[in-house]
Amino acid sequence: MFSSFLTSCDKNEETLYRWETSSGWEWKYYGQGTYTFSDGRKFKGKWKDGKPWNGTVYDKDGNVTSKYVNGELHK
């Protein structure tokens, strides 16, 4: 789903967790936050295990395009 690792981040809203693997450190999103894609789309909502869990996806103009409910995408 992500077109790039992280294009913008509001440190007051979202939490990133770091853990060590055999290939080095990796990051995953967890908790409430907003992710802004490089094309202007946004996901606002809850992250779980590094994936959108419950929230809304907006296009670059702020129109709702889809929602995530319990990790499933609903268009």
N, C-alpha and C. Protein backbone atom coordinates (compact mmCIF):
# COMPACT_ATOMS: atom_id res chain seq x y z
N MET A 1 0.80 -1.18 0.00
CA MET A 1 0.00 0.00 0.00
C MET A 1 0.86 1.25 0.00
N PHE A 2 1.97 1.26 0.67
CA PHE A 2 2.78 2.46 0.77
C PHE A 2 3.62 2.65 -0.48
N SER A 3 3.58 3.87 -1.00
CA SER A 3 4.39 4.18 -2.17
C SER A 3 5.80 4.59 -1.77
N SER A 4 5.97 4.98 -0.54
CA SER A 4 7.29 5.29 0.00
C SER A 4 7.24 5.06 1.49
N PHE A 5 8.40 4.94 2.13
CA PHE A 5 8.40 4.59 3.55
C PHE A 5 7.64 5.60 4.39
N LEU A 6 8.03 6.84 4.34
CA LEU A 6 7.33 7.85 5.12
C LEU A 6 7.51 9.19 4.45
N THR A 7 6.42 9.75 3.96
CA THR A 7 6.53 11.04 3.29
C THR A 7 6.21 12.20 4.21
N SER A 8 5.38 11.98 5.21
CA SER A 8 5.16 13.01 6.21
C SER A 8 4.74 12.35 7.50
N CYS A 9 4.97 13.04 8.59
CA CYS A 9 4.69 12.44 9.88
C CYS A 9 4.39 13.53 10.89
N ASP A 10 3.31 13.38 11.62
CA ASP A 10 3.01 14.28 12.72
C ASP A 10 3.35 13.53 13.99
N LYS A 11 4.45 13.87 14.61
CA LYS A 11 4.93 13.14 15.79
C LYS A 11 3.93 13.20 16.94
N ASN A 12 3.03 14.21 16.95
CA ASN A 12 2.05 14.31 18.01
C ASN A 12 0.90 13.33 17.82
N GLU A 13 0.71 12.81 16.62
CA GLU A 13 -0.42 11.94 16.34
C GLU A 13 -0.05 10.47 16.24
N GLU A 14 1.04 10.14 15.59
CA GLU A 14 1.28 8.73 15.33
C GLU A 14 2.50 8.22 16.07
N THR A 15 2.50 6.93 16.28
CA THR A 15 3.58 6.28 17.00
C THR A 15 4.23 5.26 16.10
N LEU A 16 5.53 5.29 16.05
CA LEU A 16 6.30 4.29 15.32
C LEU A 16 7.05 3.44 16.33
N TYR A 17 6.99 2.14 16.17
CA TYR A 17 7.76 1.25 17.02
C TYR A 17 8.89 0.64 16.22
N ARG A 18 10.02 0.43 16.87
CA ARG A 18 11.20 -0.12 16.21
C ARG A 18 11.53 -1.45 16.87
N TRP A 19 11.90 -2.43 16.04
CA TRP A 19 12.35 -3.70 16.57
C TRP A 19 13.50 -4.22 15.73
N GLU A 20 14.30 -5.08 16.33
CA GLU A 20 15.49 -5.58 15.64
C GLU A 20 15.20 -6.95 15.03
N THR A 21 15.62 -7.14 13.79
CA THR A 21 15.49 -8.41 13.10
C THR A 21 16.88 -8.84 12.63
N SER A 22 16.95 -9.99 12.01
CA SER A 22 18.24 -10.47 11.51
C SER A 22 18.81 -9.56 10.43
N SER A 23 17.94 -8.79 9.76
CA SER A 23 18.41 -7.89 8.70
C SER A 23 18.59 -6.45 9.20
N GLY A 24 18.43 -6.22 10.49
CA GLY A 24 18.61 -4.89 11.05
C GLY A 24 17.34 -4.38 11.72
N TRP A 25 17.28 -3.07 11.92
CA TRP A 25 16.12 -2.46 12.57
C TRP A 25 15.00 -2.25 11.57
N GLU A 26 13.77 -2.49 12.02
CA GLU A 26 12.59 -2.24 11.20
C GLU A 26 11.60 -1.42 12.01
N TRP A 27 10.76 -0.69 11.32
CA TRP A 27 9.77 0.18 11.95
C TRP A 27 8.37 -0.29 11.60
N LYS A 28 7.43 -0.07 12.53
CA LYS A 28 6.03 -0.37 12.23
C LYS A 28 5.14 0.64 12.93
N TYR A 29 4.06 1.00 12.26
CA TYR A 29 3.09 1.94 12.82
C TYR A 29 2.20 1.22 13.81
N TYR A 30 1.83 1.93 14.87
CA TYR A 30 0.91 1.38 15.86
C TYR A 30 0.20 2.53 16.56
N GLY A 31 -1.10 2.44 16.71
CA GLY A 31 -1.87 3.48 17.39
C GLY A 31 -2.55 4.42 16.42
N GLN A 32 -3.01 5.54 16.94
CA GLN A 32 -3.75 6.52 16.16
C GLN A 32 -2.77 7.40 15.38
N GLY A 33 -3.10 7.71 14.12
CA GLY A 33 -2.21 8.57 13.36
C GLY A 33 -2.70 8.90 11.97
N THR A 34 -1.89 9.69 11.28
CA THR A 34 -2.18 10.10 9.91
C THR A 34 -0.96 9.81 9.05
N TYR A 35 -1.17 9.18 7.90
CA TYR A 35 -0.10 8.92 6.95
C TYR A 35 -0.44 9.67 5.68
N THR A 36 0.50 10.49 5.20
CA THR A 36 0.30 11.22 3.95
C THR A 36 1.17 10.60 2.87
N PHE A 37 0.54 10.15 1.79
CA PHE A 37 1.25 9.55 0.67
C PHE A 37 1.88 10.64 -0.19
N SER A 38 2.85 10.28 -1.00
CA SER A 38 3.56 11.25 -1.84
C SER A 38 2.63 11.91 -2.86
N ASP A 39 1.51 11.26 -3.22
CA ASP A 39 0.58 11.84 -4.20
C ASP A 39 -0.51 12.69 -3.53
N GLY A 40 -0.43 12.89 -2.22
CA GLY A 40 -1.38 13.74 -1.51
C GLY A 40 -2.51 13.01 -0.82
N ARG A 41 -2.69 11.72 -1.09
CA ARG A 41 -3.71 10.94 -0.38
C ARG A 41 -3.33 10.83 1.09
N LYS A 42 -4.34 10.61 1.96
CA LYS A 42 -4.07 10.46 3.39
C LYS A 42 -4.87 9.31 3.96
N PHE A 43 -4.28 8.63 4.92
CA PHE A 43 -5.01 7.69 5.76
C PHE A 43 -5.02 8.28 7.15
N LYS A 44 -6.22 8.42 7.73
CA LYS A 44 -6.36 8.90 9.10
C LYS A 44 -7.10 7.83 9.89
N GLY A 45 -6.47 7.37 10.95
CA GLY A 45 -7.12 6.36 11.76
C GLY A 45 -6.14 5.58 12.60
N LYS A 46 -6.54 4.36 12.92
CA LYS A 46 -5.76 3.51 13.81
C LYS A 46 -4.92 2.52 13.01
N TRP A 47 -3.67 2.36 13.46
CA TRP A 47 -2.74 1.39 12.89
C TRP A 47 -2.58 0.23 13.84
N LYS A 48 -2.41 -0.97 13.30
CA LYS A 48 -2.18 -2.16 14.12
C LYS A 48 -1.19 -3.05 13.39
N ASP A 49 -0.11 -3.42 14.05
CA ASP A 49 0.93 -4.28 13.45
C ASP A 49 1.45 -3.71 12.14
N GLY A 50 1.56 -2.39 12.05
CA GLY A 50 2.13 -1.74 10.88
C GLY A 50 1.18 -1.56 9.71
N LYS A 51 -0.12 -1.88 9.92
CA LYS A 51 -1.08 -1.79 8.82
C LYS A 51 -2.28 -0.94 9.24
N PRO A 52 -2.92 -0.28 8.26
CA PRO A 52 -4.15 0.46 8.59
C PRO A 52 -5.17 -0.51 9.17
N TRP A 53 -5.81 -0.13 10.29
CA TRP A 53 -6.74 -1.04 10.95
C TRP A 53 -8.17 -0.49 10.89
N ASN A 54 -8.39 0.65 11.48
CA ASN A 54 -9.70 1.31 11.43
C ASN A 54 -9.46 2.77 11.07
N GLY A 55 -9.99 3.21 9.94
CA GLY A 55 -9.78 4.59 9.55
C GLY A 55 -10.30 4.87 8.16
N THR A 56 -9.99 6.07 7.70
CA THR A 56 -10.51 6.57 6.44
C THR A 56 -9.38 7.00 5.52
N VAL A 57 -9.54 6.70 4.22
CA VAL A 57 -8.58 7.13 3.19
C VAL A 57 -9.22 8.29 2.43
N TYR A 58 -8.44 9.36 2.26
CA TYR A 58 -8.89 10.56 1.56
C TYR A 58 -8.04 10.79 0.33
N ASP A 59 -8.64 11.34 -0.74
CA ASP A 59 -7.84 11.73 -1.90
C ASP A 59 -7.17 13.07 -1.59
N LYS A 60 -6.40 13.58 -2.52
CA LYS A 60 -5.62 14.81 -2.28
C LYS A 60 -6.51 16.03 -2.04
N ASP A 61 -7.79 15.95 -2.45
CA ASP A 61 -8.73 17.05 -2.25
C ASP A 61 -9.55 16.91 -0.97
N GLY A 62 -9.31 15.84 -0.21
CA GLY A 62 -10.02 15.64 1.05
C GLY A 62 -11.30 14.84 0.95
N ASN A 63 -11.58 14.27 -0.23
CA ASN A 63 -12.77 13.44 -0.41
C ASN A 63 -12.50 12.02 0.08
N VAL A 64 -13.47 11.42 0.75
CA VAL A 64 -13.34 10.05 1.23
C VAL A 64 -13.34 9.10 0.04
N THR A 65 -12.34 8.22 -0.04
CA THR A 65 -12.28 7.24 -1.13
C THR A 65 -12.51 5.82 -0.64
N SER A 66 -12.18 5.54 0.61
CA SER A 66 -12.39 4.20 1.16
C SER A 66 -12.19 4.24 2.67
N LYS A 67 -12.54 3.11 3.30
CA LYS A 67 -12.38 2.98 4.75
C LYS A 67 -11.79 1.62 5.08
N TYR A 68 -11.08 1.57 6.19
CA TYR A 68 -10.59 0.31 6.73
C TYR A 68 -11.40 -0.01 7.97
N VAL A 69 -11.90 -1.24 8.05
CA VAL A 69 -12.62 -1.73 9.21
C VAL A 69 -11.98 -3.04 9.62
N ASN A 70 -11.41 -3.08 10.81
CA ASN A 70 -10.71 -4.27 11.32
C ASN A 70 -9.69 -4.80 10.32
N GLY A 71 -8.97 -3.88 9.68
CA GLY A 71 -7.90 -4.25 8.76
C GLY A 71 -8.33 -4.57 7.34
N GLU A 72 -9.64 -4.54 7.08
CA GLU A 72 -10.15 -4.84 5.73
C GLU A 72 -10.54 -3.55 5.02
N LEU A 73 -10.13 -3.43 3.76
CA LEU A 73 -10.44 -2.25 2.95
C LEU A 73 -11.86 -2.35 2.41
N HIS A 74 -12.65 -1.29 2.63
CA HIS A 74 -14.02 -1.19 2.11
C HIS A 74 -14.09 0.04 1.24
N LYS A 75 -14.43 -0.15 -0.04
CA LYS A 75 -14.52 0.99 -0.97
C LYS A 75 -15.93 1.47 -1.11
